[in-house]
Amino acid sequence: MTDASRPAPLPEGLSAQALIDVHETAAEWFMRRSEPGWTGAEERALEAWLAEAALHRETFEGMSLIGHDLHQIPLAMSPSWRKETRSRPAMAAVPDRPSVSPPGKPTFTRTATWGRRSWASAVVCACVMLLAGGGYGWNHWSNTASFTLDVATGHRETRVIELPDGSSVTLNIDSSLQVHYYPGRREILLDKGEAFFRVAADASRPFTVDSGASQVKVVGTAFNVRAAPPQIVIKVLEGKVEVRPDRHASLGRVLRMGPGSGLSIDPATGQTSDLRASAATVGDWRTGQIQFQRAPLGDVVLELSRYLGQPVELASQDLARQSVSGVLSTASPQLFLQALPELLPLRVQQTVDGGWSISRR
């Protein structure tokens, strides 16, 4: 037996039957969720089951891929088989909803339709075949990464990182991230700082960026994420993304963003605010220039502090709301700081500790 055809190993401490049970439960949850009448209580019960083990969530998310493949199977069957299945009478009984207390495997007390039972059986059979044959089946949900990377930048350093699928990440100063590529998904953890992502499209392997409690999910697009206190800021240049302000919440919001849209997230509360994100400002720091278009002075001060490497403080917080327009050179941030009195009635002074103070003139 070659390495390519040898069955993939089971997770440590998990029997084949236990793994099949997980797939069967995931299939039943998946089918119930796709039917009308899905309730909030059922969603919470599902999330509780998904939270019990990483394998539960990975298996459930993979059901959509298996379901898509199985729907194609009848096209390859003989005409007589298709005729037989069409002649079966549809059953009027509607299956009961999954049990939601306690959370776990959903149960159905009444007879399901032939189509539903056949679909569930097909899913379980598919799982058995995938387990026996290794390859796509287990590898798709495997927790063994095929590619990993841990990278960080210094105060004056930016880096462009080419990933094995054709995606790329440009990492800004004082930033760090971790990359984990699995057979069925691509995961990035932005620990701190800022990064611009250009993602190669691959519908079979979603690309997610986690930062704090928030998550951005895409298939193929270009966007910028800044994980710098006090907020997480996401801006989209191309394509579409889904944002979960709190990815740990069982009924958390999912916000969809398109080109030119921006979003700020308060990590402490999960509250969000819409932002303007013109194409010229999304990841503009990559060119060495940051454009401010009527930006609050409070945001400008944060950027100045980052690039100066020294604290810049406002003498009074009411100054934070004043709007500023201009272009900051990331190589010479002090020039922009010293030019502020020409733009606004402000006074800029250096403090004894090497930082800067901005007060009203």
Protein backbone atom coordinates (compact mmCIF):
# COMPACT_ATOMS: atom_id res chain seq x y z
CA MET A 1 0.00 0.00 0.00
CA THR A 2 1.40 3.37 -0.96
CA ASP A 3 1.48 6.33 1.40
CA ALA A 4 -1.11 8.09 -0.76
CA SER A 5 -3.60 5.20 -0.47
CA ARG A 6 -2.97 4.32 3.20
CA PRO A 7 -5.93 5.33 5.40
CA ALA A 8 -5.35 8.47 7.44
CA PRO A 9 -4.92 7.80 11.19
CA LEU A 10 -7.83 8.44 13.50
CA PRO A 11 -7.57 11.16 16.16
CA GLU A 12 -5.81 9.87 19.23
CA GLY A 13 -8.17 8.06 21.61
CA LEU A 14 -11.11 8.08 19.16
CA SER A 15 -12.54 4.91 17.64
CA ALA A 16 -13.88 4.64 14.13
CA GLN A 17 -17.41 4.12 15.49
CA ALA A 18 -17.15 7.22 17.66
CA LEU A 19 -16.04 9.24 14.65
CA ILE A 20 -18.96 7.91 12.60
CA ASP A 21 -21.32 8.88 15.44
CA VAL A 22 -19.95 12.43 15.32
CA HIS A 23 -20.56 12.60 11.56
CA GLU A 24 -24.07 11.20 11.94
CA THR A 25 -24.95 13.75 14.62
CA ALA A 26 -23.49 16.58 12.52
CA ALA A 27 -25.53 15.41 9.51
CA GLU A 28 -28.78 15.42 11.50
CA TRP A 29 -28.07 18.90 12.89
CA PHE A 30 -27.17 20.11 9.41
CA MET A 31 -30.39 18.81 7.86
CA ARG A 32 -32.60 20.21 10.63
CA ARG A 33 -30.95 23.61 10.39
CA SER A 34 -31.70 23.80 6.67
CA GLU A 35 -35.44 23.29 7.21
CA PRO A 36 -38.08 25.95 7.96
CA GLY A 37 -38.89 26.70 11.57
CA TRP A 38 -35.36 26.67 12.96
CA THR A 39 -35.50 28.39 16.35
CA GLY A 40 -33.14 30.31 18.57
CA ALA A 41 -33.27 27.53 21.17
CA GLU A 42 -32.17 25.02 18.56
CA GLU A 43 -29.36 27.31 17.46
CA ARG A 44 -28.13 27.56 21.04
CA ALA A 45 -28.30 23.79 21.46
CA LEU A 46 -26.34 23.32 18.24
CA GLU A 47 -23.71 25.81 19.36
CA ALA A 48 -23.40 23.97 22.67
CA TRP A 49 -22.73 20.72 20.81
CA LEU A 50 -20.25 22.43 18.50
CA ALA A 51 -18.41 23.89 21.48
CA GLU A 52 -17.92 20.48 23.10
CA ALA A 53 -15.05 19.57 20.77
CA ALA A 54 -13.18 21.06 17.84
CA LEU A 55 -14.02 17.93 15.83
CA HIS A 56 -17.75 18.67 16.19
CA ARG A 57 -17.43 22.10 14.60
CA GLU A 58 -15.05 20.97 11.85
CA THR A 59 -17.32 18.05 10.95
CA PHE A 60 -20.46 20.21 10.91
CA GLU A 61 -18.82 22.86 8.71
CA GLY A 62 -17.70 20.13 6.32
CA MET A 63 -21.28 18.86 5.91
CA SER A 64 -22.06 21.56 3.37
CA LEU A 65 -19.26 20.26 1.16
CA ILE A 66 -20.38 16.65 1.49
CA GLY A 67 -24.00 17.68 0.87
CA HIS A 68 -23.01 19.46 -2.33
CA ASP A 69 -21.13 16.39 -3.57
CA LEU A 70 -23.95 13.98 -2.68
CA HIS A 71 -26.51 16.06 -4.56
CA GLN A 72 -24.48 15.36 -7.69
CA ILE A 73 -24.58 11.56 -7.25
CA PRO A 74 -28.00 10.91 -8.89
CA LEU A 75 -26.73 12.45 -12.13
CA ALA A 76 -24.39 9.49 -12.46
CA MET A 77 -27.02 6.81 -11.63
CA SER A 78 -28.87 4.77 -14.16
CA PRO A 79 -32.20 6.04 -15.60
CA SER A 80 -34.05 3.12 -13.98
CA TRP A 81 -32.73 4.07 -10.54
CA ARG A 82 -33.79 7.69 -11.00
CA LYS A 83 -37.24 6.55 -12.17
CA GLU A 84 -37.61 4.33 -9.09
CA THR A 85 -36.73 7.09 -6.70
CA ARG A 86 -39.11 9.51 -8.39
CA SER A 87 -41.97 7.00 -8.09
CA ARG A 88 -41.65 6.72 -4.30
CA PRO A 89 -44.53 8.61 -2.62
CA ALA A 90 -43.53 11.58 -0.51
CA MET A 91 -44.46 11.07 3.12
CA ALA A 92 -46.62 13.75 4.70
CA ALA A 93 -45.17 13.47 8.19
CA VAL A 94 -42.66 16.16 9.11
CA PRO A 95 -39.83 15.03 11.38
CA ASP A 96 -39.73 16.43 14.88
CA ARG A 97 -37.13 19.04 15.67
CA PRO A 98 -33.91 17.94 17.32
CA SER A 99 -33.94 17.69 21.08
CA VAL A 100 -32.50 20.88 22.55
CA SER A 101 -32.32 19.85 26.24
CA PRO A 102 -29.79 18.57 26.98
CA PRO A 103 -27.66 19.62 23.99
CA GLY A 104 -26.19 16.84 21.98
CA LYS A 105 -27.29 14.53 19.27
CA PRO A 106 -30.68 15.60 17.87
CA THR A 107 -33.44 12.96 17.97
CA PHE A 108 -36.43 12.50 15.68
CA THR A 109 -39.48 10.75 17.10
CA ARG A 110 -41.53 10.52 13.93
CA THR A 111 -40.68 8.92 10.62
CA ALA A 112 -38.73 11.17 8.32
CA THR A 113 -39.29 11.44 4.60
CA TRP A 114 -37.55 8.96 2.38
CA GLY A 115 -35.40 11.74 0.92
CA ARG A 116 -34.24 12.87 4.35
CA ARG A 117 -33.42 9.34 5.53
CA SER A 118 -31.62 8.54 2.32
CA TRP A 119 -29.60 11.75 2.54
CA ALA A 120 -28.61 10.98 6.15
CA SER A 121 -27.68 7.42 5.23
CA ALA A 122 -25.67 8.66 2.29
CA VAL A 123 -23.80 11.08 4.52
CA VAL A 124 -22.94 8.36 7.02
CA CYS A 125 -21.93 5.97 4.23
CA ALA A 126 -19.80 8.69 2.71
CA CYS A 127 -18.10 9.21 6.06
CA VAL A 128 -17.40 5.48 6.34
CA MET A 129 -15.89 5.39 2.87
CA LEU A 130 -13.85 8.50 3.55
CA LEU A 131 -12.57 7.07 6.81
CA ALA A 132 -11.67 3.80 5.14
CA GLY A 133 -9.96 5.44 2.22
CA GLY A 134 -8.26 8.30 4.04
CA GLY A 135 -7.47 11.15 1.65
CA TYR A 136 -10.05 13.92 1.43
CA GLY A 137 -12.34 12.64 4.18
CA TRP A 138 -10.31 12.81 7.36
CA ASN A 139 -7.69 15.15 5.95
CA HIS A 140 -10.37 17.75 5.19
CA TRP A 141 -11.18 18.10 8.91
CA SER A 142 -7.75 17.20 10.19
CA ASN A 143 -6.18 19.30 12.93
CA THR A 144 -2.75 18.59 11.50
CA ALA A 145 -1.57 21.72 9.69
CA SER A 146 0.07 21.30 6.31
CA PHE A 147 1.75 24.71 6.58
CA THR A 148 2.54 26.91 9.57
CA LEU A 149 4.28 30.23 9.97
CA ASP A 150 4.93 32.54 12.93
CA VAL A 151 6.24 35.97 11.97
CA ALA A 152 6.72 39.36 13.64
CA THR A 153 8.06 42.75 12.58
CA GLY A 154 10.07 45.35 14.46
CA HIS A 155 9.39 49.04 14.91
CA ARG A 156 10.81 50.13 11.54
CA GLU A 157 10.13 46.92 9.65
CA THR A 158 7.39 45.86 7.24
CA ARG A 159 7.30 42.51 5.49
CA VAL A 160 5.54 40.93 2.51
CA ILE A 161 4.76 37.25 3.06
CA GLU A 162 3.86 34.97 0.16
CA LEU A 163 1.71 32.02 1.21
CA PRO A 164 1.68 28.61 -0.52
CA ASP A 165 -1.81 29.02 -2.02
CA GLY A 166 -0.94 32.26 -3.81
CA SER A 167 -2.31 34.53 -1.09
CA SER A 168 -0.10 37.25 0.35
CA VAL A 169 0.11 39.21 3.59
CA THR A 170 1.83 42.57 4.06
CA LEU A 171 2.69 43.02 7.72
CA ASN A 172 3.02 46.53 9.14
CA ILE A 173 5.45 47.69 11.84
CA ASP A 174 5.27 46.22 15.37
CA SER A 175 2.97 43.41 14.23
CA SER A 176 2.85 39.66 14.68
CA LEU A 177 0.74 36.89 13.20
CA GLN A 178 0.49 33.13 12.98
CA VAL A 179 -0.49 31.16 9.87
CA HIS A 180 -2.00 27.66 9.94
CA TYR A 181 -3.08 25.99 6.70
CA TYR A 182 -5.14 22.80 6.94
CA PRO A 183 -6.51 20.66 4.10
CA GLY A 184 -9.98 22.19 4.57
CA ARG A 185 -9.33 25.67 5.91
CA ARG A 186 -6.83 28.52 6.14
CA GLU A 187 -6.46 30.25 9.50
CA ILE A 188 -4.59 33.41 10.47
CA LEU A 189 -4.19 34.78 13.96
CA LEU A 190 -3.24 38.46 14.06
CA ASP A 191 -1.84 38.83 17.57
CA LYS A 192 -1.16 42.55 17.30
CA GLY A 193 -0.47 45.31 14.81
CA GLU A 194 -1.77 45.59 11.28
CA ALA A 195 -1.82 43.51 8.10
CA PHE A 196 -3.11 43.78 4.56
CA PHE A 197 -4.40 40.50 3.09
CA ARG A 198 -4.80 39.58 -0.55
CA VAL A 199 -6.49 36.20 -0.53
CA ALA A 200 -6.44 33.68 -3.38
CA ALA A 201 -9.97 32.39 -4.03
CA ASP A 202 -10.61 28.80 -2.91
CA ALA A 203 -14.22 28.02 -2.06
CA SER A 204 -13.26 24.67 -0.52
CA ARG A 205 -10.89 26.30 1.98
CA PRO A 206 -12.27 29.40 3.72
CA PHE A 207 -9.71 31.95 4.87
CA THR A 208 -10.24 33.37 8.36
CA VAL A 209 -8.41 36.05 10.31
CA ASP A 210 -8.87 36.02 14.08
CA SER A 211 -7.93 39.01 16.20
CA GLY A 212 -8.95 39.08 19.82
CA ALA A 213 -12.53 37.84 20.01
CA SER A 214 -13.32 38.92 16.43
CA GLN A 215 -13.09 36.98 13.19
CA VAL A 216 -13.04 37.91 9.49
CA LYS A 217 -13.97 35.17 7.02
CA VAL A 218 -13.41 35.33 3.26
CA VAL A 219 -12.91 33.14 0.20
CA GLY A 220 -11.04 35.54 -2.08
CA THR A 221 -10.64 39.27 -1.51
CA ALA A 222 -8.31 42.06 -0.38
CA PHE A 223 -8.74 43.74 2.98
CA ASN A 224 -6.88 45.36 5.85
CA VAL A 225 -7.07 44.53 9.56
CA ARG A 226 -5.61 46.68 12.33
CA ALA A 227 -5.48 45.14 15.79
CA ALA A 228 -4.13 48.13 17.68
CA PRO A 229 -5.73 49.48 20.86
CA PRO A 230 -8.28 50.71 21.50
CA GLN A 231 -10.15 49.21 18.51
CA ILE A 232 -9.96 46.55 15.82
CA VAL A 233 -10.45 48.18 12.42
CA ILE A 234 -11.35 46.30 9.23
CA LYS A 235 -11.44 47.88 5.77
CA VAL A 236 -12.31 46.09 2.53
CA LEU A 237 -10.67 46.94 -0.78
CA GLU A 238 -12.05 44.14 -2.99
CA GLY A 239 -14.52 41.29 -2.68
CA LYS A 240 -16.68 40.55 0.34
CA VAL A 241 -16.01 39.47 3.90
CA GLU A 242 -18.04 38.24 6.86
CA VAL A 243 -17.17 39.69 10.26
CA ARG A 244 -18.05 38.15 13.60
CA PRO A 245 -17.41 40.81 16.26
CA ASP A 246 -17.52 38.06 18.88
CA ARG A 247 -16.74 34.69 17.35
CA HIS A 248 -17.22 32.94 20.71
CA ALA A 249 -20.85 34.03 21.11
CA SER A 250 -23.28 31.22 20.23
CA LEU A 251 -25.75 33.68 18.67
CA GLY A 252 -23.21 36.32 17.71
CA ARG A 253 -23.83 38.77 14.92
CA VAL A 254 -22.46 38.18 11.43
CA LEU A 255 -21.82 41.40 9.49
CA ARG A 256 -21.21 41.37 5.75
CA MET A 257 -18.93 43.96 4.18
CA GLY A 258 -18.15 44.84 0.58
CA PRO A 259 -15.62 47.06 -1.22
CA GLY A 260 -15.25 50.53 0.26
CA SER A 261 -16.73 49.60 3.63
CA GLY A 262 -15.03 49.76 7.00
CA LEU A 263 -15.82 48.68 10.53
CA SER A 264 -14.35 49.40 13.95
CA ILE A 265 -14.89 46.96 16.82
CA ASP A 266 -14.49 47.71 20.52
CA PRO A 267 -12.78 44.55 21.85
CA ALA A 268 -14.14 45.15 25.35
CA THR A 269 -17.82 45.45 24.45
CA GLY A 270 -18.12 44.07 20.92
CA GLN A 271 -19.83 47.27 19.80
CA THR A 272 -19.25 48.22 16.18
CA SER A 273 -19.17 51.44 14.17
CA ASP A 274 -19.23 51.88 10.42
CA LEU A 275 -16.30 53.67 8.81
CA ARG A 276 -15.60 55.20 5.44
CA ALA A 277 -12.99 53.22 3.52
CA SER A 278 -12.16 54.75 0.17
CA ALA A 279 -9.84 52.68 -2.02
CA ALA A 280 -7.03 55.17 -1.44
CA THR A 281 -7.07 54.58 2.32
CA VAL A 282 -7.30 50.76 2.52
CA GLY A 283 -3.80 49.57 3.36
CA ASP A 284 -2.37 52.91 2.26
CA TRP A 285 0.48 52.50 4.75
CA ARG A 286 2.06 50.03 2.31
CA THR A 287 3.01 52.99 0.11
CA GLY A 288 4.66 54.81 3.02
CA GLN A 289 1.89 57.40 3.20
CA ILE A 290 -1.28 57.45 5.30
CA GLN A 291 -4.11 59.65 4.09
CA PHE A 292 -6.39 61.33 6.60
CA GLN A 293 -9.71 62.53 5.22
CA ARG A 294 -11.48 64.49 7.95
CA ALA A 295 -10.21 61.95 10.46
CA PRO A 296 -10.73 62.54 14.20
CA LEU A 297 -7.61 63.97 15.83
CA GLY A 298 -7.82 61.14 18.38
CA ASP A 299 -7.24 58.58 15.58
CA VAL A 300 -4.44 60.68 14.08
CA VAL A 301 -2.68 60.81 17.44
CA LEU A 302 -2.77 56.99 17.67
CA GLU A 303 -1.12 56.69 14.27
CA LEU A 304 1.50 59.28 15.17
CA SER A 305 2.33 57.39 18.36
CA ARG A 306 2.80 54.15 16.42
CA TYR A 307 5.16 55.57 13.84
CA LEU A 308 7.06 57.87 16.19
CA GLY A 309 7.57 55.11 18.73
CA GLN A 310 6.81 57.72 21.40
CA PRO A 311 3.56 58.61 23.17
CA VAL A 312 1.55 61.49 21.72
CA GLU A 313 -1.11 62.74 24.11
CA LEU A 314 -3.94 65.24 23.98
CA ALA A 315 -4.10 67.82 26.76
CA SER A 316 -7.91 67.51 26.79
CA GLN A 317 -10.11 64.76 25.38
CA ASP A 318 -12.46 67.19 23.66
CA LEU A 319 -9.66 67.73 21.12
CA ALA A 320 -10.05 64.12 19.97
CA ARG A 321 -13.17 65.03 17.98
CA GLN A 322 -11.52 67.69 15.83
CA SER A 323 -11.18 66.57 12.21
CA VAL A 324 -7.86 66.50 10.39
CA SER A 325 -7.02 66.08 6.70
CA GLY A 326 -3.55 65.54 5.36
CA VAL A 327 -0.90 62.96 4.42
CA LEU A 328 1.40 61.38 6.98
CA SER A 329 4.76 60.03 5.79
CA THR A 330 5.44 56.87 7.81
CA ALA A 331 9.18 57.50 7.37
CA SER A 332 8.97 61.05 8.78
CA PRO A 333 5.99 61.19 11.14
CA GLN A 334 7.49 64.05 13.14
CA LEU A 335 7.07 66.39 10.16
CA PHE A 336 3.30 65.85 10.19
CA LEU A 337 3.16 66.36 13.94
CA GLN A 338 5.03 69.64 13.72
CA ALA A 339 2.77 70.82 10.88
CA LEU A 340 -0.44 70.33 12.89
CA PRO A 341 -0.43 73.96 14.22
CA GLU A 342 -0.65 75.10 10.59
CA LEU A 343 -3.79 73.01 10.06
CA LEU A 344 -5.57 73.63 13.37
CA PRO A 345 -5.35 76.08 16.28
CA LEU A 346 -3.13 73.72 18.24
CA ARG A 347 0.14 73.82 20.13
CA VAL A 348 2.60 70.90 19.85
CA GLN A 349 5.25 70.53 22.54
CA GLN A 350 7.78 67.82 23.35
CA THR A 351 7.66 66.47 26.90
CA VAL A 352 10.57 65.70 29.20
CA ASP A 353 10.18 61.95 28.65
CA GLY A 354 10.60 62.31 24.87
CA GLY A 355 6.92 62.15 24.04
CA TRP A 356 4.65 64.87 22.66
CA SER A 357 1.72 66.87 23.98
CA ILE A 358 -0.97 68.55 21.87
CA SER A 359 -2.98 71.34 23.47
CA ARG A 360 -5.34 74.07 22.38
CA ARG A 361 -3.64 77.28 21.25
